[in-house]
């Protein structure tokens, strides 16, 4: 549950809150770039 919560928060912060069920291969290049940032944020890495 913590993993899913962290992922959803990261998506919201990257202005992707409505994108959770979209497929990656259907996104534009800019949208994919924001999803990659969201994944980095969701790791909780400090760097």
ModelCIF file with pLDDT and N, C-alpha, C, O atoms, coordinates in Angstrom:
data_MODEL
#
_entry.id   MODEL 
#
_entity.id                         1 
_entity.type                       polymer 
_entity.pdbx_number_of_molecules   1 
#
_entity_poly.entity_id                      1 
_entity_poly.type                           'polypeptide(L)' 
_entity_poly.nstd_linkage                   no 
_entity_poly.nstd_monomer                   no 
_entity_poly.pdbx_seq_one_letter_code       
;(UNK)(UNK)(UNK)(UNK)(UNK)(UNK)(UNK)(UNK)(UNK)(UNK)(UNK)(UNK)(UNK)(UNK)(UNK)(UNK)
(UNK)(UNK)(UNK)(UNK)(UNK)(UNK)(UNK)(UNK)(UNK)(UNK)(UNK)(UNK)(UNK)(UNK)(UNK)(UNK)
(UNK)(UNK)(UNK)(UNK)(UNK)(UNK)(UNK)(UNK)(UNK)(UNK)(UNK)(UNK)(UNK)(UNK)(UNK)
;
_entity_poly.pdbx_seq_one_letter_code_can   XXXXXXXXXXXXXXXXXXXXXXXXXXXXXXXXXXXXXXXXXXXXXXX 
_entity_poly.pdbx_strand_id                 A 
#
loop_
_entity_poly_seq.entity_id 
_entity_poly_seq.num 
_entity_poly_seq.mon_id 
_entity_poly_seq.hetero 
1 1  UNK n 
1 2  UNK n 
1 3  UNK n 
1 4  UNK n 
1 5  UNK n 
1 6  UNK n 
1 7  UNK n 
1 8  UNK n 
1 9  UNK n 
1 10 UNK n 
1 11 UNK n 
1 12 UNK n 
1 13 UNK n 
1 14 UNK n 
1 15 UNK n 
1 16 UNK n 
1 17 UNK n 
1 18 UNK n 
1 19 UNK n 
1 20 UNK n 
1 21 UNK n 
1 22 UNK n 
1 23 UNK n 
1 24 UNK n 
1 25 UNK n 
1 26 UNK n 
1 27 UNK n 
1 28 UNK n 
1 29 UNK n 
1 30 UNK n 
1 31 UNK n 
1 32 UNK n 
1 33 UNK n 
1 34 UNK n 
1 35 UNK n 
1 36 UNK n 
1 37 UNK n 
1 38 UNK n 
1 39 UNK n 
1 40 UNK n 
1 41 UNK n 
1 42 UNK n 
1 43 UNK n 
1 44 UNK n 
1 45 UNK n 
1 46 UNK n 
1 47 UNK n 
#
_struct_asym.id          A 
_struct_asym.entity_id   1 
#
loop_
_ma_qa_metric.id 
_ma_qa_metric.mode 
_ma_qa_metric.name 
_ma_qa_metric.software_group_id 
_ma_qa_metric.type 
1 global pLDDT . pLDDT 
2 local  pLDDT . pLDDT 
#
_ma_qa_metric_global.metric_id      1 
_ma_qa_metric_global.metric_value   90.55 
_ma_qa_metric_global.model_id       1 
_ma_qa_metric_global.ordinal_id     1 
#
loop_
_ma_qa_metric_local.label_asym_id 
_ma_qa_metric_local.label_comp_id 
_ma_qa_metric_local.label_seq_id 
_ma_qa_metric_local.metric_id 
_ma_qa_metric_local.metric_value 
_ma_qa_metric_local.model_id 
_ma_qa_metric_local.ordinal_id 
A UNK 1  2 87.00 1 1  
A UNK 2  2 88.00 1 2  
A UNK 3  2 89.00 1 3  
A UNK 4  2 90.00 1 4  
A UNK 5  2 91.00 1 5  
A UNK 6  2 90.00 1 6  
A UNK 7  2 92.00 1 7  
A UNK 8  2 93.00 1 8  
A UNK 9  2 93.00 1 9  
A UNK 10 2 92.00 1 10 
A UNK 11 2 94.00 1 11 
A UNK 12 2 93.00 1 12 
A UNK 13 2 89.00 1 13 
A UNK 14 2 90.00 1 14 
A UNK 15 2 89.00 1 15 
A UNK 16 2 93.00 1 16 
A UNK 17 2 90.00 1 17 
A UNK 18 2 93.00 1 18 
A UNK 19 2 95.00 1 19 
A UNK 20 2 94.00 1 20 
A UNK 21 2 94.00 1 21 
A UNK 22 2 95.00 1 22 
A UNK 23 2 94.00 1 23 
A UNK 24 2 91.00 1 24 
A UNK 25 2 88.00 1 25 
A UNK 26 2 90.00 1 26 
A UNK 27 2 89.00 1 27 
A UNK 28 2 87.00 1 28 
A UNK 29 2 84.00 1 29 
A UNK 30 2 85.00 1 30 
A UNK 31 2 89.00 1 31 
A UNK 32 2 88.00 1 32 
A UNK 33 2 87.00 1 33 
A UNK 34 2 89.00 1 34 
A UNK 35 2 91.00 1 35 
A UNK 36 2 91.00 1 36 
A UNK 37 2 90.00 1 37 
A UNK 38 2 92.00 1 38 
A UNK 39 2 92.00 1 39 
A UNK 40 2 91.00 1 40 
A UNK 41 2 91.00 1 41 
A UNK 42 2 90.00 1 42 
A UNK 43 2 89.00 1 43 
A UNK 44 2 88.00 1 44 
A UNK 45 2 90.00 1 45 
A UNK 46 2 91.00 1 46 
A UNK 47 2 95.00 1 47 
#
loop_
_atom_site.group_PDB 
_atom_site.id 
_atom_site.type_symbol 
_atom_site.label_atom_id 
_atom_site.label_alt_id 
_atom_site.label_comp_id 
_atom_site.label_asym_id 
_atom_site.label_entity_id 
_atom_site.label_seq_id 
_atom_site.pdbx_PDB_ins_code 
_atom_site.Cartn_x 
_atom_site.Cartn_y 
_atom_site.Cartn_z 
_atom_site.occupancy 
_atom_site.B_iso_or_equiv 
_atom_site.pdbx_formal_charge 
_atom_site.auth_seq_id 
_atom_site.auth_comp_id 
_atom_site.auth_asym_id 
_atom_site.auth_atom_id 
_atom_site.pdbx_PDB_model_num 
ATOM 1   N N  . UNK A 1 1  ? 0.834  -1.206 0.000   1.00 87.00 ? 1  UNK A N  1 
ATOM 2   C CA . UNK A 1 1  ? 0.000  0.000  0.000   1.00 87.00 ? 1  UNK A CA 1 
ATOM 3   C C  . UNK A 1 1  ? 0.868  1.254  0.000   1.00 87.00 ? 1  UNK A C  1 
ATOM 4   O O  . UNK A 1 1  ? 0.516  2.252  -0.630  1.00 87.00 ? 1  UNK A O  1 
ATOM 5   N N  . UNK A 1 2  ? 2.012  1.209  0.711   1.00 88.00 ? 2  UNK A N  1 
ATOM 6   C CA . UNK A 1 2  ? 2.930  2.339  0.719   1.00 88.00 ? 2  UNK A CA 1 
ATOM 7   C C  . UNK A 1 2  ? 3.504  2.593  -0.665  1.00 88.00 ? 2  UNK A C  1 
ATOM 8   O O  . UNK A 1 2  ? 3.644  3.743  -1.080  1.00 88.00 ? 2  UNK A O  1 
ATOM 9   N N  . UNK A 1 3  ? 3.839  1.516  -1.388  1.00 89.00 ? 3  UNK A N  1 
ATOM 10  C CA . UNK A 1 3  ? 4.360  1.664  -2.745  1.00 89.00 ? 3  UNK A CA 1 
ATOM 11  C C  . UNK A 1 3  ? 3.340  2.377  -3.637  1.00 89.00 ? 3  UNK A C  1 
ATOM 12  O O  . UNK A 1 3  ? 3.685  3.303  -4.371  1.00 89.00 ? 3  UNK A O  1 
ATOM 13  N N  . UNK A 1 4  ? 2.097  1.941  -3.566  1.00 90.00 ? 4  UNK A N  1 
ATOM 14  C CA . UNK A 1 4  ? 1.061  2.516  -4.421  1.00 90.00 ? 4  UNK A CA 1 
ATOM 15  C C  . UNK A 1 4  ? 0.802  3.968  -4.047  1.00 90.00 ? 4  UNK A C  1 
ATOM 16  O O  . UNK A 1 4  ? 0.603  4.810  -4.922  1.00 90.00 ? 4  UNK A O  1 
ATOM 17  N N  . UNK A 1 5  ? 0.804  4.264  -2.758  1.00 91.00 ? 5  UNK A N  1 
ATOM 18  C CA . UNK A 1 5  ? 0.605  5.648  -2.323  1.00 91.00 ? 5  UNK A CA 1 
ATOM 19  C C  . UNK A 1 5  ? 1.734  6.548  -2.790  1.00 91.00 ? 5  UNK A C  1 
ATOM 20  O O  . UNK A 1 5  ? 1.490  7.663  -3.252  1.00 91.00 ? 5  UNK A O  1 
ATOM 21  N N  . UNK A 1 6  ? 2.975  6.073  -2.673  1.00 90.00 ? 6  UNK A N  1 
ATOM 22  C CA . UNK A 1 6  ? 4.122  6.859  -3.130  1.00 90.00 ? 6  UNK A CA 1 
ATOM 23  C C  . UNK A 1 6  ? 4.042  7.110  -4.628  1.00 90.00 ? 6  UNK A C  1 
ATOM 24  O O  . UNK A 1 6  ? 4.344  8.210  -5.091  1.00 90.00 ? 6  UNK A O  1 
ATOM 25  N N  . UNK A 1 7  ? 3.639  6.101  -5.387  1.00 92.00 ? 7  UNK A N  1 
ATOM 26  C CA . UNK A 1 7  ? 3.534  6.254  -6.834  1.00 92.00 ? 7  UNK A CA 1 
ATOM 27  C C  . UNK A 1 7  ? 2.448  7.250  -7.200  1.00 92.00 ? 7  UNK A C  1 
ATOM 28  O O  . UNK A 1 7  ? 2.646  8.083  -8.084  1.00 92.00 ? 7  UNK A O  1 
ATOM 29  N N  . UNK A 1 8  ? 1.305  7.178  -6.534  1.00 93.00 ? 8  UNK A N  1 
ATOM 30  C CA . UNK A 1 8  ? 0.213  8.097  -6.861  1.00 93.00 ? 8  UNK A CA 1 
ATOM 31  C C  . UNK A 1 8  ? 0.559  9.537  -6.479  1.00 93.00 ? 8  UNK A C  1 
ATOM 32  O O  . UNK A 1 8  ? 0.202  10.469 -7.199  1.00 93.00 ? 8  UNK A O  1 
ATOM 33  N N  . UNK A 1 9  ? 1.239  9.721  -5.369  1.00 93.00 ? 9  UNK A N  1 
ATOM 34  C CA . UNK A 1 9  ? 1.675  11.061 -4.988  1.00 93.00 ? 9  UNK A CA 1 
ATOM 35  C C  . UNK A 1 9  ? 2.658  11.622 -6.002  1.00 93.00 ? 9  UNK A C  1 
ATOM 36  O O  . UNK A 1 9  ? 2.571  12.790 -6.381  1.00 93.00 ? 9  UNK A O  1 
ATOM 37  N N  . UNK A 1 10 ? 3.594  10.785 -6.440  1.00 92.00 ? 10 UNK A N  1 
ATOM 38  C CA . UNK A 1 10 ? 4.576  11.240 -7.428  1.00 92.00 ? 10 UNK A CA 1 
ATOM 39  C C  . UNK A 1 10 ? 3.895  11.629 -8.730  1.00 92.00 ? 10 UNK A C  1 
ATOM 40  O O  . UNK A 1 10 ? 4.269  12.625 -9.350  1.00 92.00 ? 10 UNK A O  1 
ATOM 41  N N  . UNK A 1 11 ? 2.897  10.854 -9.154  1.00 94.00 ? 11 UNK A N  1 
ATOM 42  C CA . UNK A 1 11 ? 2.170  11.192 -10.368 1.00 94.00 ? 11 UNK A CA 1 
ATOM 43  C C  . UNK A 1 11 ? 1.440  12.523 -10.217 1.00 94.00 ? 11 UNK A C  1 
ATOM 44  O O  . UNK A 1 11 ? 1.430  13.338 -11.140 1.00 94.00 ? 11 UNK A O  1 
ATOM 45  N N  . UNK A 1 12 ? 0.834  12.742 -9.062  1.00 93.00 ? 12 UNK A N  1 
ATOM 46  C CA . UNK A 1 12 ? 0.125  13.998 -8.840  1.00 93.00 ? 12 UNK A CA 1 
ATOM 47  C C  . UNK A 1 12 ? 1.076  15.189 -8.893  1.00 93.00 ? 12 UNK A C  1 
ATOM 48  O O  . UNK A 1 12 ? 0.741  16.231 -9.456  1.00 93.00 ? 12 UNK A O  1 
ATOM 49  N N  . UNK A 1 13 ? 2.267  15.032 -8.303  1.00 89.00 ? 13 UNK A N  1 
ATOM 50  C CA . UNK A 1 13 ? 3.235  16.122 -8.288  1.00 89.00 ? 13 UNK A CA 1 
ATOM 51  C C  . UNK A 1 13 ? 3.741  16.460 -9.683  1.00 89.00 ? 13 UNK A C  1 
ATOM 52  O O  . UNK A 1 13 ? 4.135  17.597 -9.943  1.00 89.00 ? 13 UNK A O  1 
ATOM 53  N N  . UNK A 1 14 ? 3.732  15.484 -10.575 1.00 90.00 ? 14 UNK A N  1 
ATOM 54  C CA . UNK A 1 14 ? 4.197  15.699 -11.952 1.00 90.00 ? 14 UNK A CA 1 
ATOM 55  C C  . UNK A 1 14 ? 3.050  16.002 -12.901 1.00 90.00 ? 14 UNK A C  1 
ATOM 56  O O  . UNK A 1 14 ? 3.196  15.891 -14.118 1.00 90.00 ? 14 UNK A O  1 
ATOM 57  N N  . UNK A 1 15 ? 1.903  16.388 -12.341 1.00 89.00 ? 15 UNK A N  1 
ATOM 58  C CA . UNK A 1 15 ? 0.733  16.761 -13.131 1.00 89.00 ? 15 UNK A CA 1 
ATOM 59  C C  . UNK A 1 15 ? 0.262  15.598 -13.987 1.00 89.00 ? 15 UNK A C  1 
ATOM 60  O O  . UNK A 1 15 ? -0.090 15.770 -15.153 1.00 89.00 ? 15 UNK A O  1 
ATOM 61  N N  . UNK A 1 16 ? 0.261  14.406 -13.389 1.00 93.00 ? 16 UNK A N  1 
ATOM 62  C CA . UNK A 1 16 ? -0.112 13.189 -14.108 1.00 93.00 ? 16 UNK A CA 1 
ATOM 63  C C  . UNK A 1 16 ? -1.162 12.385 -13.343 1.00 93.00 ? 16 UNK A C  1 
ATOM 64  O O  . UNK A 1 16 ? -1.305 11.179 -13.545 1.00 93.00 ? 16 UNK A O  1 
ATOM 65  N N  . UNK A 1 17 ? -1.884 13.062 -12.472 1.00 90.00 ? 17 UNK A N  1 
ATOM 66  C CA . UNK A 1 17 ? -2.829 12.351 -11.620 1.00 90.00 ? 17 UNK A CA 1 
ATOM 67  C C  . UNK A 1 17 ? -3.889 11.564 -12.375 1.00 90.00 ? 17 UNK A C  1 
ATOM 68  O O  . UNK A 1 17 ? -4.390 10.559 -11.871 1.00 90.00 ? 17 UNK A O  1 
ATOM 69  N N  . UNK A 1 18 ? -4.239 12.016 -13.592 1.00 93.00 ? 18 UNK A N  1 
ATOM 70  C CA . UNK A 1 18 ? -5.276 11.340 -14.372 1.00 93.00 ? 18 UNK A CA 1 
ATOM 71  C C  . UNK A 1 18 ? -4.699 10.321 -15.360 1.00 93.00 ? 18 UNK A C  1 
ATOM 72  O O  . UNK A 1 18 ? -5.424 9.760  -16.182 1.00 93.00 ? 18 UNK A O  1 
ATOM 73  N N  . UNK A 1 19 ? -3.384 10.090 -15.268 1.00 95.00 ? 19 UNK A N  1 
ATOM 74  C CA . UNK A 1 19 ? -2.721 9.252  -16.270 1.00 95.00 ? 19 UNK A CA 1 
ATOM 75  C C  . UNK A 1 19 ? -2.457 7.828  -15.784 1.00 95.00 ? 19 UNK A C  1 
ATOM 76  O O  . UNK A 1 19 ? -1.883 7.038  -16.534 1.00 95.00 ? 19 UNK A O  1 
ATOM 77  N N  . UNK A 1 20 ? -2.844 7.473  -14.582 1.00 94.00 ? 20 UNK A N  1 
ATOM 78  C CA . UNK A 1 20 ? -2.422 6.208  -13.978 1.00 94.00 ? 20 UNK A CA 1 
ATOM 79  C C  . UNK A 1 20 ? -2.735 4.996  -14.846 1.00 94.00 ? 20 UNK A C  1 
ATOM 80  O O  . UNK A 1 20 ? -1.936 4.061  -14.901 1.00 94.00 ? 20 UNK A O  1 
ATOM 81  N N  . UNK A 1 21 ? -3.872 4.990  -15.519 1.00 94.00 ? 21 UNK A N  1 
ATOM 82  C CA . UNK A 1 21 ? -4.269 3.816  -16.290 1.00 94.00 ? 21 UNK A CA 1 
ATOM 83  C C  . UNK A 1 21 ? -3.913 3.929  -17.767 1.00 94.00 ? 21 UNK A C  1 
ATOM 84  O O  . UNK A 1 21 ? -4.185 3.009  -18.538 1.00 94.00 ? 21 UNK A O  1 
ATOM 85  N N  . UNK A 1 22 ? -3.309 5.046  -18.173 1.00 95.00 ? 22 UNK A N  1 
ATOM 86  C CA . UNK A 1 22 ? -2.883 5.190  -19.566 1.00 95.00 ? 22 UNK A CA 1 
ATOM 87  C C  . UNK A 1 22 ? -1.692 4.291  -19.847 1.00 95.00 ? 22 UNK A C  1 
ATOM 88  O O  . UNK A 1 22 ? -0.912 3.996  -18.941 1.00 95.00 ? 22 UNK A O  1 
ATOM 89  N N  . UNK A 1 23 ? -1.542 3.852  -21.091 1.00 94.00 ? 23 UNK A N  1 
ATOM 90  C CA . UNK A 1 23 ? -0.414 3.015  -21.472 1.00 94.00 ? 23 UNK A CA 1 
ATOM 91  C C  . UNK A 1 23 ? 0.770  3.889  -21.876 1.00 94.00 ? 23 UNK A C  1 
ATOM 92  O O  . UNK A 1 23 ? 0.602  4.926  -22.518 1.00 94.00 ? 23 UNK A O  1 
ATOM 93  N N  . UNK A 1 24 ? 1.963  3.457  -21.494 1.00 91.00 ? 24 UNK A N  1 
ATOM 94  C CA . UNK A 1 24 ? 3.169  4.229  -21.772 1.00 91.00 ? 24 UNK A CA 1 
ATOM 95  C C  . UNK A 1 24 ? 3.374  4.442  -23.269 1.00 91.00 ? 24 UNK A C  1 
ATOM 96  O O  . UNK A 1 24 ? 3.825  5.511  -23.682 1.00 91.00 ? 24 UNK A O  1 
ATOM 97  N N  . UNK A 1 25 ? 3.050  3.442  -24.086 1.00 88.00 ? 25 UNK A N  1 
ATOM 98  C CA . UNK A 1 25 ? 3.281  3.565  -25.521 1.00 88.00 ? 25 UNK A CA 1 
ATOM 99  C C  . UNK A 1 25 ? 2.234  4.417  -26.219 1.00 88.00 ? 25 UNK A C  1 
ATOM 100 O O  . UNK A 1 25 ? 2.267  4.567  -27.440 1.00 88.00 ? 25 UNK A O  1 
ATOM 101 N N  . UNK A 1 26 ? 1.297  4.979  -25.445 1.00 90.00 ? 26 UNK A N  1 
ATOM 102 C CA . UNK A 1 26 ? 0.293  5.877  -26.008 1.00 90.00 ? 26 UNK A CA 1 
ATOM 103 C C  . UNK A 1 26 ? 0.543  7.334  -25.642 1.00 90.00 ? 26 UNK A C  1 
ATOM 104 O O  . UNK A 1 26 ? -0.229 8.214  -26.022 1.00 90.00 ? 26 UNK A O  1 
ATOM 105 N N  . UNK A 1 27 ? 1.625  7.590  -24.903 1.00 89.00 ? 27 UNK A N  1 
ATOM 106 C CA . UNK A 1 27 ? 1.902  8.940  -24.422 1.00 89.00 ? 27 UNK A CA 1 
ATOM 107 C C  . UNK A 1 27 ? 2.794  9.697  -25.396 1.00 89.00 ? 27 UNK A C  1 
ATOM 108 O O  . UNK A 1 27 ? 3.511  9.099  -26.198 1.00 89.00 ? 27 UNK A O  1 
ATOM 109 N N  . UNK A 1 28 ? 2.737  11.013 -25.312 1.00 87.00 ? 28 UNK A N  1 
ATOM 110 C CA . UNK A 1 28 ? 3.658  11.846 -26.074 1.00 87.00 ? 28 UNK A CA 1 
ATOM 111 C C  . UNK A 1 28 ? 5.031  11.808 -25.418 1.00 87.00 ? 28 UNK A C  1 
ATOM 112 O O  . UNK A 1 28 ? 5.179  11.319 -24.298 1.00 87.00 ? 28 UNK A O  1 
ATOM 113 N N  . UNK A 1 29 ? 6.030  12.325 -26.120 1.00 84.00 ? 29 UNK A N  1 
ATOM 114 C CA . UNK A 1 29 ? 7.377  12.340 -25.557 1.00 84.00 ? 29 UNK A CA 1 
ATOM 115 C C  . UNK A 1 29 ? 7.456  13.142 -24.261 1.00 84.00 ? 29 UNK A C  1 
ATOM 116 O O  . UNK A 1 29 ? 8.115  12.724 -23.309 1.00 84.00 ? 29 UNK A O  1 
ATOM 117 N N  . UNK A 1 30 ? 6.793  14.278 -24.223 1.00 85.00 ? 30 UNK A N  1 
ATOM 118 C CA . UNK A 1 30 ? 6.807  15.086 -23.007 1.00 85.00 ? 30 UNK A CA 1 
ATOM 119 C C  . UNK A 1 30 ? 6.105  14.412 -21.852 1.00 85.00 ? 30 UNK A C  1 
ATOM 120 O O  . UNK A 1 30 ? 6.555  14.500 -20.710 1.00 85.00 ? 30 UNK A O  1 
ATOM 121 N N  . UNK A 1 31 ? 4.989  13.728 -22.145 1.00 89.00 ? 31 UNK A N  1 
ATOM 122 C CA . UNK A 1 31 ? 4.279  13.013 -21.088 1.00 89.00 ? 31 UNK A CA 1 
ATOM 123 C C  . UNK A 1 31 ? 5.125  11.882 -20.537 1.00 89.00 ? 31 UNK A C  1 
ATOM 124 O O  . UNK A 1 31 ? 5.175  11.676 -19.324 1.00 89.00 ? 31 UNK A O  1 
ATOM 125 N N  . UNK A 1 32 ? 5.794  11.142 -21.422 1.00 88.00 ? 32 UNK A N  1 
ATOM 126 C CA . UNK A 1 32 ? 6.673  10.063 -20.951 1.00 88.00 ? 32 UNK A CA 1 
ATOM 127 C C  . UNK A 1 32 ? 7.797  10.610 -20.089 1.00 88.00 ? 32 UNK A C  1 
ATOM 128 O O  . UNK A 1 32 ? 8.172  9.991  -19.094 1.00 88.00 ? 32 UNK A O  1 
ATOM 129 N N  . UNK A 1 33 ? 8.341  11.771 -20.462 1.00 87.00 ? 33 UNK A N  1 
ATOM 130 C CA . UNK A 1 33 ? 9.424  12.367 -19.678 1.00 87.00 ? 33 UNK A CA 1 
ATOM 131 C C  . UNK A 1 33 ? 8.962  12.684 -18.258 1.00 87.00 ? 33 UNK A C  1 
ATOM 132 O O  . UNK A 1 33 ? 9.713  12.492 -17.302 1.00 87.00 ? 33 UNK A O  1 
ATOM 133 N N  . UNK A 1 34 ? 7.748  13.161 -18.122 1.00 89.00 ? 34 UNK A N  1 
ATOM 134 C CA . UNK A 1 34 ? 7.223  13.460 -16.787 1.00 89.00 ? 34 UNK A CA 1 
ATOM 135 C C  . UNK A 1 34 ? 6.970  12.178 -15.991 1.00 89.00 ? 34 UNK A C  1 
ATOM 136 O O  . UNK A 1 34 ? 7.141  12.154 -14.772 1.00 89.00 ? 34 UNK A O  1 
ATOM 137 N N  . UNK A 1 35 ? 6.559  11.108 -16.690 1.00 91.00 ? 35 UNK A N  1 
ATOM 138 C CA . UNK A 1 35 ? 6.358  9.830  -15.996 1.00 91.00 ? 35 UNK A CA 1 
ATOM 139 C C  . UNK A 1 35 ? 7.693  9.301  -15.477 1.00 91.00 ? 35 UNK A C  1 
ATOM 140 O O  . UNK A 1 35 ? 7.755  8.756  -14.374 1.00 91.00 ? 35 UNK A O  1 
ATOM 141 N N  . UNK A 1 36 ? 8.759  9.456  -16.261 1.00 91.00 ? 36 UNK A N  1 
ATOM 142 C CA . UNK A 1 36 ? 10.086 9.014  -15.812 1.00 91.00 ? 36 UNK A CA 1 
ATOM 143 C C  . UNK A 1 36 ? 10.505 9.788  -14.566 1.00 91.00 ? 36 UNK A C  1 
ATOM 144 O O  . UNK A 1 36 ? 11.068 9.202  -13.641 1.00 91.00 ? 36 UNK A O  1 
ATOM 145 N N  . UNK A 1 37 ? 10.240 11.100 -14.525 1.00 90.00 ? 37 UNK A N  1 
ATOM 146 C CA . UNK A 1 37 ? 10.542 11.870 -13.320 1.00 90.00 ? 37 UNK A CA 1 
ATOM 147 C C  . UNK A 1 37 ? 9.707  11.375 -12.148 1.00 90.00 ? 37 UNK A C  1 
ATOM 148 O O  . UNK A 1 37 ? 10.211 11.270 -11.030 1.00 90.00 ? 37 UNK A O  1 
ATOM 149 N N  . UNK A 1 38 ? 8.431  11.068 -12.393 1.00 92.00 ? 38 UNK A N  1 
ATOM 150 C CA . UNK A 1 38 ? 7.581  10.561 -11.317 1.00 92.00 ? 38 UNK A CA 1 
ATOM 151 C C  . UNK A 1 38 ? 8.130  9.261  -10.746 1.00 92.00 ? 38 UNK A C  1 
ATOM 152 O O  . UNK A 1 38 ? 8.103  9.056  -9.533  1.00 92.00 ? 38 UNK A O  1 
ATOM 153 N N  . UNK A 1 39 ? 8.629  8.380  -11.611 1.00 92.00 ? 39 UNK A N  1 
ATOM 154 C CA . UNK A 1 39 ? 9.219  7.129  -11.121 1.00 92.00 ? 39 UNK A CA 1 
ATOM 155 C C  . UNK A 1 39 ? 10.442 7.415  -10.244 1.00 92.00 ? 39 UNK A C  1 
ATOM 156 O O  . UNK A 1 39 ? 10.638 6.765  -9.217  1.00 92.00 ? 39 UNK A O  1 
ATOM 157 N N  . UNK A 1 40 ? 11.265 8.392  -10.653 1.00 91.00 ? 40 UNK A N  1 
ATOM 158 C CA . UNK A 1 40 ? 12.439 8.745  -9.851  1.00 91.00 ? 40 UNK A CA 1 
ATOM 159 C C  . UNK A 1 40 ? 12.009 9.288  -8.491  1.00 91.00 ? 40 UNK A C  1 
ATOM 160 O O  . UNK A 1 40 ? 12.607 8.947  -7.470  1.00 91.00 ? 40 UNK A O  1 
ATOM 161 N N  . UNK A 1 41 ? 10.987 10.121 -8.471  1.00 91.00 ? 41 UNK A N  1 
ATOM 162 C CA . UNK A 1 41 ? 10.493 10.682 -7.212  1.00 91.00 ? 41 UNK A CA 1 
ATOM 163 C C  . UNK A 1 41 ? 9.927  9.589  -6.316  1.00 91.00 ? 41 UNK A C  1 
ATOM 164 O O  . UNK A 1 41 ? 10.131 9.608  -5.102  1.00 91.00 ? 41 UNK A O  1 
ATOM 165 N N  . UNK A 1 42 ? 9.218  8.641  -6.910  1.00 90.00 ? 42 UNK A N  1 
ATOM 166 C CA . UNK A 1 42 ? 8.584  7.578  -6.131  1.00 90.00 ? 42 UNK A CA 1 
ATOM 167 C C  . UNK A 1 42 ? 9.593  6.689  -5.416  1.00 90.00 ? 42 UNK A C  1 
ATOM 168 O O  . UNK A 1 42 ? 9.241  6.024  -4.442  1.00 90.00 ? 42 UNK A O  1 
ATOM 169 N N  . UNK A 1 43 ? 10.832 6.665  -5.876  1.00 89.00 ? 43 UNK A N  1 
ATOM 170 C CA . UNK A 1 43 ? 11.842 5.850  -5.194  1.00 89.00 ? 43 UNK A CA 1 
ATOM 171 C C  . UNK A 1 43 ? 12.192 6.394  -3.821  1.00 89.00 ? 43 UNK A C  1 
ATOM 172 O O  . UNK A 1 43 ? 12.735 5.667  -2.989  1.00 89.00 ? 43 UNK A O  1 
ATOM 173 N N  . UNK A 1 44 ? 11.882 7.693  -3.562  1.00 88.00 ? 44 UNK A N  1 
ATOM 174 C CA . UNK A 1 44 ? 12.305 8.377  -2.343  1.00 88.00 ? 44 UNK A CA 1 
ATOM 175 C C  . UNK A 1 44 ? 13.820 8.512  -2.235  1.00 88.00 ? 44 UNK A C  1 
ATOM 176 O O  . UNK A 1 44 ? 14.343 8.748  -1.146  1.00 88.00 ? 44 UNK A O  1 
ATOM 177 N N  . UNK A 1 45 ? 14.528 8.367  -3.349  1.00 90.00 ? 45 UNK A N  1 
ATOM 178 C CA . UNK A 1 45 ? 15.975 8.569  -3.331  1.00 90.00 ? 45 UNK A CA 1 
ATOM 179 C C  . UNK A 1 45 ? 16.282 10.029 -2.993  1.00 90.00 ? 45 UNK A C  1 
ATOM 180 O O  . UNK A 1 45 ? 15.540 10.936 -3.371  1.00 90.00 ? 45 UNK A O  1 
ATOM 181 N N  . UNK A 1 46 ? 17.378 10.236 -2.283  1.00 91.00 ? 46 UNK A N  1 
ATOM 182 C CA . UNK A 1 46 ? 17.720 11.592 -1.851  1.00 91.00 ? 46 UNK A CA 1 
ATOM 183 C C  . UNK A 1 46 ? 18.584 12.334 -2.858  1.00 91.00 ? 46 UNK A C  1 
ATOM 184 O O  . UNK A 1 46 ? 18.820 13.532 -2.702  1.00 91.00 ? 46 UNK A O  1 
ATOM 185 N N  . UNK A 1 47 ? 19.056 11.649 -3.881  1.00 95.00 ? 47 UNK A N  1 
ATOM 186 C CA . UNK A 1 47 ? 19.833 12.309 -4.923  1.00 95.00 ? 47 UNK A CA 1 
ATOM 187 C C  . UNK A 1 47 ? 19.146 12.044 -6.263  1.00 95.00 ? 47 UNK A C  1 
ATOM 188 O O  . UNK A 1 47 ? 19.621 12.504 -7.301  1.00 95.00 ? 47 UNK A O  1 
#
